[in-house]
N, C-alpha and C. Protein backbone atom coordinates (compact mmCIF):
# COMPACT_ATOMS: atom_id res chain seq x y z
N MET A 1 -27.57 -13.80 -2.37
CA MET A 1 -26.43 -14.58 -1.91
C MET A 1 -26.90 -15.98 -1.58
N THR A 2 -26.21 -16.97 -2.08
CA THR A 2 -26.58 -18.33 -1.76
C THR A 2 -25.79 -18.79 -0.55
N GLN A 3 -26.43 -19.63 0.24
CA GLN A 3 -25.78 -20.17 1.42
C GLN A 3 -25.71 -21.66 1.26
N SER A 4 -24.62 -22.24 1.74
CA SER A 4 -24.54 -23.69 1.71
C SER A 4 -25.00 -24.22 3.05
N ILE A 5 -25.74 -25.29 3.00
CA ILE A 5 -26.19 -25.94 4.22
C ILE A 5 -25.25 -27.11 4.45
N PRO A 6 -24.72 -27.26 5.69
CA PRO A 6 -23.80 -28.36 5.94
C PRO A 6 -24.43 -29.70 5.54
N THR A 7 -23.65 -30.51 4.85
CA THR A 7 -24.15 -31.81 4.41
C THR A 7 -24.26 -32.76 5.59
N ALA A 8 -24.96 -33.85 5.37
CA ALA A 8 -25.08 -34.87 6.42
C ALA A 8 -23.71 -35.42 6.77
N ALA A 9 -22.85 -35.57 5.77
CA ALA A 9 -21.50 -36.09 6.02
C ALA A 9 -20.70 -35.13 6.89
N ALA A 10 -20.81 -33.83 6.60
CA ALA A 10 -20.09 -32.84 7.41
C ALA A 10 -20.61 -32.84 8.84
N THR A 11 -21.92 -32.96 8.99
CA THR A 11 -22.51 -32.99 10.32
C THR A 11 -22.06 -34.24 11.07
N ALA A 12 -22.06 -35.39 10.39
CA ALA A 12 -21.63 -36.64 11.01
C ALA A 12 -20.15 -36.56 11.38
N SER A 13 -19.35 -35.94 10.51
CA SER A 13 -17.93 -35.79 10.78
C SER A 13 -17.70 -34.94 12.03
N MET A 14 -18.47 -33.85 12.16
CA MET A 14 -18.34 -33.00 13.34
C MET A 14 -18.76 -33.78 14.59
N ALA A 15 -19.84 -34.52 14.51
CA ALA A 15 -20.31 -35.32 15.65
C ALA A 15 -19.24 -36.34 16.05
N ALA A 16 -18.59 -36.94 15.07
CA ALA A 16 -17.54 -37.92 15.37
C ALA A 16 -16.35 -37.24 16.05
N ARG A 17 -15.99 -36.05 15.56
CA ARG A 17 -14.88 -35.30 16.20
C ARG A 17 -15.22 -34.98 17.65
N ILE A 18 -16.44 -34.54 17.87
CA ILE A 18 -16.85 -34.17 19.23
C ILE A 18 -16.88 -35.41 20.12
N ASP A 19 -17.41 -36.52 19.61
CA ASP A 19 -17.42 -37.77 20.36
C ASP A 19 -16.02 -38.19 20.77
N ASP A 20 -15.08 -38.00 19.86
CA ASP A 20 -13.70 -38.42 20.10
C ASP A 20 -13.00 -37.60 21.18
N LEU A 21 -13.51 -36.43 21.50
CA LEU A 21 -12.88 -35.60 22.54
C LEU A 21 -12.74 -36.34 23.86
N ALA A 22 -13.69 -37.22 24.16
CA ALA A 22 -13.63 -37.97 25.42
C ALA A 22 -12.39 -38.86 25.50
N ASN A 23 -11.82 -39.21 24.34
CA ASN A 23 -10.63 -40.07 24.31
C ASN A 23 -9.32 -39.28 24.34
N TRP A 24 -9.40 -37.99 24.22
CA TRP A 24 -8.20 -37.16 24.19
C TRP A 24 -7.56 -37.08 25.58
N SER A 25 -6.25 -36.97 25.60
CA SER A 25 -5.55 -36.75 26.88
C SER A 25 -5.75 -35.28 27.29
N TRP A 26 -5.53 -35.01 28.57
CA TRP A 26 -5.66 -33.64 29.06
C TRP A 26 -4.67 -32.71 28.34
N SER A 27 -3.47 -33.20 28.08
CA SER A 27 -2.48 -32.33 27.41
C SER A 27 -2.93 -32.00 25.99
N ASN A 28 -3.55 -32.96 25.28
CA ASN A 28 -4.06 -32.66 23.94
C ASN A 28 -5.24 -31.69 24.00
N LEU A 29 -6.08 -31.84 25.00
CA LEU A 29 -7.20 -30.90 25.17
C LEU A 29 -6.68 -29.48 25.40
N THR A 30 -5.67 -29.34 26.26
CA THR A 30 -5.15 -28.00 26.55
C THR A 30 -4.44 -27.41 25.33
N LYS A 31 -3.77 -28.26 24.54
CA LYS A 31 -3.15 -27.77 23.29
C LYS A 31 -4.22 -27.23 22.33
N GLU A 32 -5.32 -27.99 22.20
CA GLU A 32 -6.40 -27.54 21.31
C GLU A 32 -7.04 -26.27 21.85
N TRP A 33 -7.20 -26.17 23.17
CA TRP A 33 -7.74 -24.96 23.80
C TRP A 33 -6.86 -23.77 23.44
N ARG A 34 -5.54 -23.95 23.58
CA ARG A 34 -4.61 -22.86 23.27
C ARG A 34 -4.73 -22.45 21.80
N ARG A 35 -4.85 -23.43 20.91
CA ARG A 35 -4.98 -23.13 19.48
C ARG A 35 -6.25 -22.33 19.21
N LEU A 36 -7.35 -22.71 19.87
CA LEU A 36 -8.63 -22.06 19.62
C LEU A 36 -8.79 -20.72 20.33
N PHE A 37 -8.26 -20.62 21.55
CA PHE A 37 -8.54 -19.45 22.38
C PHE A 37 -7.31 -18.60 22.71
N GLY A 38 -6.10 -19.10 22.39
CA GLY A 38 -4.90 -18.30 22.59
C GLY A 38 -4.38 -18.23 24.00
N SER A 39 -4.89 -19.07 24.89
CA SER A 39 -4.41 -19.10 26.27
C SER A 39 -4.70 -20.47 26.87
N ASP A 40 -4.19 -20.69 28.06
CA ASP A 40 -4.50 -21.95 28.75
C ASP A 40 -5.94 -21.91 29.25
N PRO A 41 -6.55 -23.08 29.42
CA PRO A 41 -7.91 -23.10 29.99
C PRO A 41 -7.88 -22.47 31.39
N HIS A 42 -8.89 -21.70 31.70
CA HIS A 42 -8.92 -21.03 33.00
C HIS A 42 -9.52 -21.92 34.10
N VAL A 43 -9.93 -23.13 33.73
CA VAL A 43 -10.44 -24.10 34.70
C VAL A 43 -9.82 -25.46 34.40
N ALA A 44 -9.81 -26.33 35.40
CA ALA A 44 -9.27 -27.67 35.22
C ALA A 44 -10.40 -28.70 35.15
N ASN A 45 -11.56 -28.26 34.70
CA ASN A 45 -12.73 -29.12 34.59
C ASN A 45 -12.76 -29.70 33.18
N ARG A 46 -12.44 -30.97 33.07
CA ARG A 46 -12.33 -31.62 31.77
C ARG A 46 -13.61 -31.48 30.94
N ARG A 47 -14.75 -31.76 31.56
CA ARG A 47 -16.03 -31.73 30.84
C ARG A 47 -16.30 -30.32 30.28
N PHE A 48 -16.01 -29.29 31.07
CA PHE A 48 -16.19 -27.91 30.61
C PHE A 48 -15.30 -27.65 29.39
N VAL A 49 -14.04 -28.06 29.48
CA VAL A 49 -13.10 -27.81 28.40
C VAL A 49 -13.55 -28.54 27.13
N GLU A 50 -13.99 -29.79 27.26
CA GLU A 50 -14.49 -30.55 26.10
C GLU A 50 -15.68 -29.84 25.46
N LYS A 51 -16.63 -29.40 26.29
CA LYS A 51 -17.83 -28.74 25.76
C LYS A 51 -17.48 -27.44 25.05
N ARG A 52 -16.58 -26.66 25.64
CA ARG A 52 -16.22 -25.37 25.04
C ARG A 52 -15.46 -25.56 23.73
N ILE A 53 -14.59 -26.56 23.67
CA ILE A 53 -13.88 -26.86 22.42
C ILE A 53 -14.88 -27.28 21.35
N ALA A 54 -15.80 -28.17 21.72
CA ALA A 54 -16.81 -28.64 20.77
C ALA A 54 -17.65 -27.46 20.27
N TYR A 55 -18.03 -26.57 21.16
CA TYR A 55 -18.83 -25.41 20.78
C TYR A 55 -18.06 -24.53 19.80
N ARG A 56 -16.77 -24.31 20.10
CA ARG A 56 -15.96 -23.45 19.23
C ARG A 56 -15.78 -24.08 17.85
N TRP A 57 -15.57 -25.41 17.79
CA TRP A 57 -15.47 -26.09 16.50
C TRP A 57 -16.73 -25.86 15.68
N GLN A 58 -17.87 -25.97 16.34
CA GLN A 58 -19.14 -25.79 15.63
C GLN A 58 -19.32 -24.34 15.17
N GLU A 59 -18.87 -23.38 15.99
CA GLU A 59 -18.91 -21.98 15.57
C GLU A 59 -18.09 -21.78 14.29
N ILE A 60 -16.91 -22.36 14.27
CA ILE A 60 -16.03 -22.21 13.11
C ILE A 60 -16.67 -22.85 11.89
N GLU A 61 -17.23 -24.04 12.04
CA GLU A 61 -17.87 -24.73 10.92
C GLU A 61 -19.09 -23.96 10.43
N PHE A 62 -19.89 -23.43 11.37
CA PHE A 62 -21.08 -22.67 11.00
C PHE A 62 -20.70 -21.41 10.23
N ALA A 63 -19.59 -20.79 10.61
CA ALA A 63 -19.15 -19.57 9.94
C ALA A 63 -18.87 -19.83 8.46
N LYS A 64 -18.47 -21.06 8.13
CA LYS A 64 -18.20 -21.40 6.74
C LYS A 64 -19.49 -21.51 5.92
N SER A 65 -20.59 -21.87 6.58
CA SER A 65 -21.82 -22.15 5.85
C SER A 65 -22.88 -21.06 5.96
N ASN A 66 -22.69 -20.08 6.83
CA ASN A 66 -23.72 -19.06 6.99
C ASN A 66 -23.11 -17.66 6.99
N ARG A 67 -22.60 -17.26 5.86
CA ARG A 67 -21.96 -15.97 5.67
C ARG A 67 -22.92 -14.81 5.96
N ALA A 68 -24.20 -14.95 5.57
CA ALA A 68 -25.16 -13.86 5.74
C ALA A 68 -25.34 -13.50 7.22
N LEU A 69 -25.39 -14.51 8.07
CA LEU A 69 -25.54 -14.25 9.50
C LEU A 69 -24.33 -13.51 10.05
N LEU A 70 -23.15 -13.93 9.64
CA LEU A 70 -21.94 -13.26 10.10
C LEU A 70 -21.90 -11.81 9.63
N GLU A 71 -22.31 -11.58 8.39
CA GLU A 71 -22.32 -10.21 7.87
C GLU A 71 -23.34 -9.35 8.63
N ARG A 72 -24.51 -9.92 8.94
CA ARG A 72 -25.52 -9.17 9.70
C ARG A 72 -24.98 -8.84 11.10
N ASN A 73 -24.32 -9.81 11.72
CA ASN A 73 -23.74 -9.56 13.04
C ASN A 73 -22.68 -8.47 12.97
N GLN A 74 -21.86 -8.48 11.91
CA GLN A 74 -20.82 -7.45 11.77
C GLN A 74 -21.45 -6.07 11.61
N ARG A 75 -22.55 -5.98 10.85
CA ARG A 75 -23.24 -4.68 10.71
C ARG A 75 -23.76 -4.21 12.08
N ARG A 76 -24.29 -5.15 12.88
CA ARG A 76 -24.79 -4.77 14.20
C ARG A 76 -23.65 -4.31 15.12
N ILE A 77 -22.51 -4.97 15.02
CA ILE A 77 -21.34 -4.57 15.81
C ILE A 77 -20.91 -3.17 15.39
N ASP A 78 -20.85 -2.93 14.07
CA ASP A 78 -20.47 -1.61 13.57
C ASP A 78 -21.45 -0.54 14.05
N GLU A 79 -22.76 -0.87 14.03
CA GLU A 79 -23.78 0.07 14.51
C GLU A 79 -23.57 0.38 15.99
N LEU A 80 -23.29 -0.64 16.78
CA LEU A 80 -23.06 -0.44 18.21
C LEU A 80 -21.84 0.42 18.45
N MET A 81 -20.77 0.17 17.70
CA MET A 81 -19.54 0.95 17.88
C MET A 81 -19.75 2.41 17.47
N ALA A 82 -20.53 2.63 16.42
CA ALA A 82 -20.74 3.99 15.91
C ALA A 82 -21.71 4.79 16.77
N THR A 83 -22.78 4.16 17.25
CA THR A 83 -23.83 4.91 17.93
C THR A 83 -23.91 4.64 19.43
N GLY A 84 -23.34 3.53 19.86
CA GLY A 84 -23.43 3.17 21.28
C GLY A 84 -24.74 2.46 21.63
N THR A 85 -25.61 2.30 20.65
CA THR A 85 -26.88 1.60 20.89
C THR A 85 -27.18 0.68 19.70
N LEU A 86 -28.10 -0.24 19.91
CA LEU A 86 -28.53 -1.14 18.85
C LEU A 86 -30.01 -1.00 18.62
N THR A 87 -30.42 -1.20 17.38
CA THR A 87 -31.83 -1.27 17.06
C THR A 87 -32.37 -2.56 17.66
N ARG A 88 -33.47 -2.47 18.39
CA ARG A 88 -34.03 -3.65 19.04
C ARG A 88 -34.68 -4.57 18.00
N HIS A 89 -34.46 -5.86 18.17
CA HIS A 89 -35.08 -6.87 17.32
C HIS A 89 -35.89 -7.80 18.20
N ARG A 90 -36.98 -8.31 17.64
CA ARG A 90 -37.78 -9.27 18.38
C ARG A 90 -36.95 -10.53 18.58
N VAL A 91 -36.99 -11.06 19.80
CA VAL A 91 -36.21 -12.24 20.13
C VAL A 91 -37.13 -13.42 20.38
N GLY A 92 -36.73 -14.57 19.90
CA GLY A 92 -37.44 -15.79 20.24
C GLY A 92 -38.60 -16.14 19.33
N VAL A 93 -38.91 -15.32 18.34
CA VAL A 93 -40.05 -15.62 17.49
C VAL A 93 -39.66 -16.62 16.41
N VAL A 94 -38.49 -16.45 15.78
CA VAL A 94 -38.06 -17.37 14.74
C VAL A 94 -36.76 -18.04 15.19
N PRO A 95 -36.76 -19.36 15.31
CA PRO A 95 -35.54 -20.06 15.72
C PRO A 95 -34.48 -20.02 14.63
N ILE A 96 -33.27 -20.39 14.98
CA ILE A 96 -32.17 -20.36 14.02
C ILE A 96 -32.37 -21.43 12.95
N ALA A 97 -31.73 -21.20 11.82
CA ALA A 97 -31.83 -22.13 10.69
C ALA A 97 -31.38 -23.52 11.12
N GLY A 98 -32.10 -24.52 10.61
CA GLY A 98 -31.78 -25.91 10.93
C GLY A 98 -32.62 -26.47 12.06
N THR A 99 -33.31 -25.58 12.80
CA THR A 99 -34.16 -26.03 13.89
C THR A 99 -35.38 -26.75 13.32
N GLU A 100 -35.75 -27.85 13.94
CA GLU A 100 -36.96 -28.56 13.52
C GLU A 100 -38.02 -28.36 14.59
N LEU A 101 -39.15 -27.82 14.18
CA LEU A 101 -40.28 -27.62 15.09
C LEU A 101 -41.23 -28.80 14.94
N VAL A 102 -41.68 -29.34 16.05
CA VAL A 102 -42.58 -30.50 16.02
C VAL A 102 -43.82 -30.15 16.82
N ARG A 103 -44.97 -30.43 16.24
CA ARG A 103 -46.24 -30.17 16.91
C ARG A 103 -47.17 -31.34 16.63
N ILE A 104 -47.77 -31.87 17.67
CA ILE A 104 -48.78 -32.91 17.50
C ILE A 104 -50.13 -32.20 17.55
N TYR A 105 -50.89 -32.36 16.49
CA TYR A 105 -52.19 -31.70 16.40
C TYR A 105 -53.18 -32.68 15.82
N ASP A 106 -54.27 -32.84 16.50
CA ASP A 106 -55.35 -33.72 16.04
C ASP A 106 -54.84 -35.14 15.80
N GLY A 107 -53.93 -35.58 16.68
CA GLY A 107 -53.42 -36.94 16.61
C GLY A 107 -52.32 -37.18 15.59
N ALA A 108 -51.91 -36.15 14.86
CA ALA A 108 -50.86 -36.30 13.85
C ALA A 108 -49.66 -35.43 14.22
N GLU A 109 -48.47 -35.96 13.92
CA GLU A 109 -47.25 -35.21 14.18
C GLU A 109 -46.89 -34.37 12.96
N HIS A 110 -46.61 -33.09 13.18
CA HIS A 110 -46.27 -32.16 12.11
C HIS A 110 -44.87 -31.63 12.38
N ARG A 111 -43.98 -31.72 11.37
CA ARG A 111 -42.60 -31.28 11.50
C ARG A 111 -42.32 -30.15 10.51
N VAL A 112 -41.69 -29.10 11.02
CA VAL A 112 -41.34 -27.94 10.19
C VAL A 112 -39.85 -27.68 10.38
N LEU A 113 -39.14 -27.47 9.28
CA LEU A 113 -37.72 -27.18 9.32
C LEU A 113 -37.51 -25.70 9.02
N VAL A 114 -36.76 -25.00 9.88
CA VAL A 114 -36.43 -23.59 9.67
C VAL A 114 -35.27 -23.54 8.68
N MET A 115 -35.48 -22.82 7.58
CA MET A 115 -34.48 -22.74 6.51
C MET A 115 -33.57 -21.53 6.71
N PRO A 116 -32.35 -21.55 6.14
CA PRO A 116 -31.41 -20.44 6.30
C PRO A 116 -31.91 -19.11 5.76
N ASP A 117 -32.81 -19.13 4.76
CA ASP A 117 -33.28 -17.88 4.18
C ASP A 117 -34.48 -17.30 4.92
N GLY A 118 -34.83 -17.88 6.08
CA GLY A 118 -35.94 -17.36 6.88
C GLY A 118 -37.28 -17.99 6.55
N GLU A 119 -37.31 -18.85 5.55
CA GLU A 119 -38.55 -19.55 5.22
C GLU A 119 -38.62 -20.86 6.00
N PHE A 120 -39.73 -21.59 5.79
CA PHE A 120 -39.97 -22.82 6.52
C PHE A 120 -40.34 -23.92 5.54
N ASP A 121 -39.86 -25.14 5.80
CA ASP A 121 -40.19 -26.28 4.98
C ASP A 121 -41.15 -27.17 5.77
N TYR A 122 -42.33 -27.40 5.18
CA TYR A 122 -43.32 -28.28 5.79
C TYR A 122 -43.84 -29.22 4.71
N GLY A 123 -43.62 -30.49 4.91
CA GLY A 123 -44.09 -31.48 3.96
C GLY A 123 -43.50 -31.32 2.57
N GLY A 124 -42.26 -30.85 2.49
CA GLY A 124 -41.61 -30.68 1.19
C GLY A 124 -41.98 -29.39 0.46
N LYS A 125 -42.80 -28.56 1.09
CA LYS A 125 -43.21 -27.30 0.47
C LYS A 125 -42.68 -26.14 1.32
N ARG A 126 -42.25 -25.07 0.66
CA ARG A 126 -41.71 -23.90 1.37
C ARG A 126 -42.81 -22.90 1.69
N TYR A 127 -42.75 -22.33 2.89
CA TYR A 127 -43.71 -21.32 3.33
C TYR A 127 -42.93 -20.13 3.88
N PRO A 128 -43.43 -18.91 3.67
CA PRO A 128 -42.74 -17.74 4.19
C PRO A 128 -43.02 -17.47 5.67
N SER A 129 -44.04 -18.12 6.23
CA SER A 129 -44.34 -17.87 7.64
C SER A 129 -44.88 -19.11 8.34
N LEU A 130 -44.68 -19.15 9.64
CA LEU A 130 -45.23 -20.24 10.44
C LEU A 130 -46.75 -20.16 10.51
N SER A 131 -47.28 -18.96 10.43
CA SER A 131 -48.74 -18.80 10.49
C SER A 131 -49.41 -19.47 9.30
N MET A 132 -48.77 -19.40 8.12
CA MET A 132 -49.35 -20.07 6.95
C MET A 132 -49.37 -21.59 7.15
N ILE A 133 -48.34 -22.10 7.79
CA ILE A 133 -48.28 -23.55 8.05
C ILE A 133 -49.34 -23.93 9.08
N ALA A 134 -49.47 -23.12 10.13
CA ALA A 134 -50.48 -23.41 11.16
C ALA A 134 -51.88 -23.41 10.54
N ARG A 135 -52.11 -22.49 9.62
CA ARG A 135 -53.42 -22.44 8.94
C ARG A 135 -53.62 -23.67 8.06
N GLU A 136 -52.55 -24.09 7.39
CA GLU A 136 -52.60 -25.29 6.55
C GLU A 136 -52.96 -26.53 7.40
N ILE A 137 -52.39 -26.60 8.59
CA ILE A 137 -52.61 -27.76 9.46
C ILE A 137 -54.01 -27.74 10.07
N THR A 138 -54.43 -26.56 10.57
CA THR A 138 -55.67 -26.49 11.34
C THR A 138 -56.90 -26.09 10.53
N GLY A 139 -56.67 -25.40 9.41
CA GLY A 139 -57.80 -24.89 8.63
C GLY A 139 -58.35 -23.59 9.18
N THR A 140 -57.73 -23.06 10.23
CA THR A 140 -58.16 -21.78 10.81
C THR A 140 -56.94 -20.88 10.99
N ARG A 141 -57.20 -19.60 11.21
CA ARG A 141 -56.10 -18.66 11.42
C ARG A 141 -55.49 -18.86 12.81
N TRP A 142 -54.19 -18.98 12.83
CA TRP A 142 -53.42 -19.14 14.07
C TRP A 142 -52.20 -18.25 13.99
N SER A 143 -51.70 -17.84 15.12
CA SER A 143 -50.36 -17.27 15.18
C SER A 143 -49.41 -18.46 15.08
N GLY A 144 -48.58 -18.47 14.05
CA GLY A 144 -47.64 -19.58 13.87
C GLY A 144 -46.72 -19.78 15.05
N PRO A 145 -46.08 -18.70 15.56
CA PRO A 145 -45.21 -18.88 16.73
C PRO A 145 -45.97 -19.43 17.95
N ALA A 146 -47.21 -19.00 18.13
CA ALA A 146 -48.00 -19.54 19.25
C ALA A 146 -48.35 -21.00 19.01
N PHE A 147 -48.74 -21.33 17.80
CA PHE A 147 -49.11 -22.71 17.47
C PHE A 147 -47.96 -23.68 17.72
N PHE A 148 -46.74 -23.27 17.37
CA PHE A 148 -45.58 -24.13 17.53
C PHE A 148 -44.88 -23.95 18.87
N GLY A 149 -45.52 -23.22 19.79
CA GLY A 149 -45.00 -23.11 21.16
C GLY A 149 -43.80 -22.19 21.31
N LEU A 150 -43.64 -21.23 20.39
CA LEU A 150 -42.51 -20.31 20.50
C LEU A 150 -42.86 -19.09 21.35
N ARG A 151 -44.11 -18.97 21.71
CA ARG A 151 -44.54 -17.92 22.63
C ARG A 151 -45.11 -18.62 23.85
N LYS A 152 -44.63 -18.26 25.00
CA LYS A 152 -45.05 -18.94 26.23
C LYS A 152 -46.53 -18.80 26.51
N GLY A 153 -47.11 -19.92 26.91
CA GLY A 153 -48.50 -19.91 27.38
C GLY A 153 -49.56 -19.78 26.31
N ARG A 154 -49.17 -19.85 25.03
CA ARG A 154 -50.19 -19.65 24.00
C ARG A 154 -50.51 -20.91 23.22
N ALA A 155 -49.57 -21.84 23.13
CA ALA A 155 -49.86 -23.07 22.39
C ALA A 155 -50.67 -24.01 23.26
N ARG A 156 -51.57 -24.76 22.62
CA ARG A 156 -52.38 -25.72 23.39
C ARG A 156 -51.74 -27.07 23.36
């Protein structure tokens, strides 16, 4: 299954929409809240309402570009409903797609982009693991998640 990655224009458009929320009247914010959530806002805190609307817009936009994640989540929901439990998954080892990891090593800055298919882009080349990138950078074997600071207390 191929996934589309939001274009720079789509990302800029979303950022502009979110920026514009500050100019909206309270009545327009509450109308948008009702459209998105089906009820009136449960708080009268403008900043909270703006942030939640912006978050929901991004959820909707992300759903258009990452079908595989939504399908995986639906399978997990179905598993929970059927069995009452979920298979445990490791948390925090691989960040979500689009995350850029930055590490300064030996005086040079190294940037890695997490791709939607679970691979990593470093210097225009794709790698299946962070450990391979850490080895490429250092010349020695490293735990990639530790090298990039994804495990507490292990990165130098």
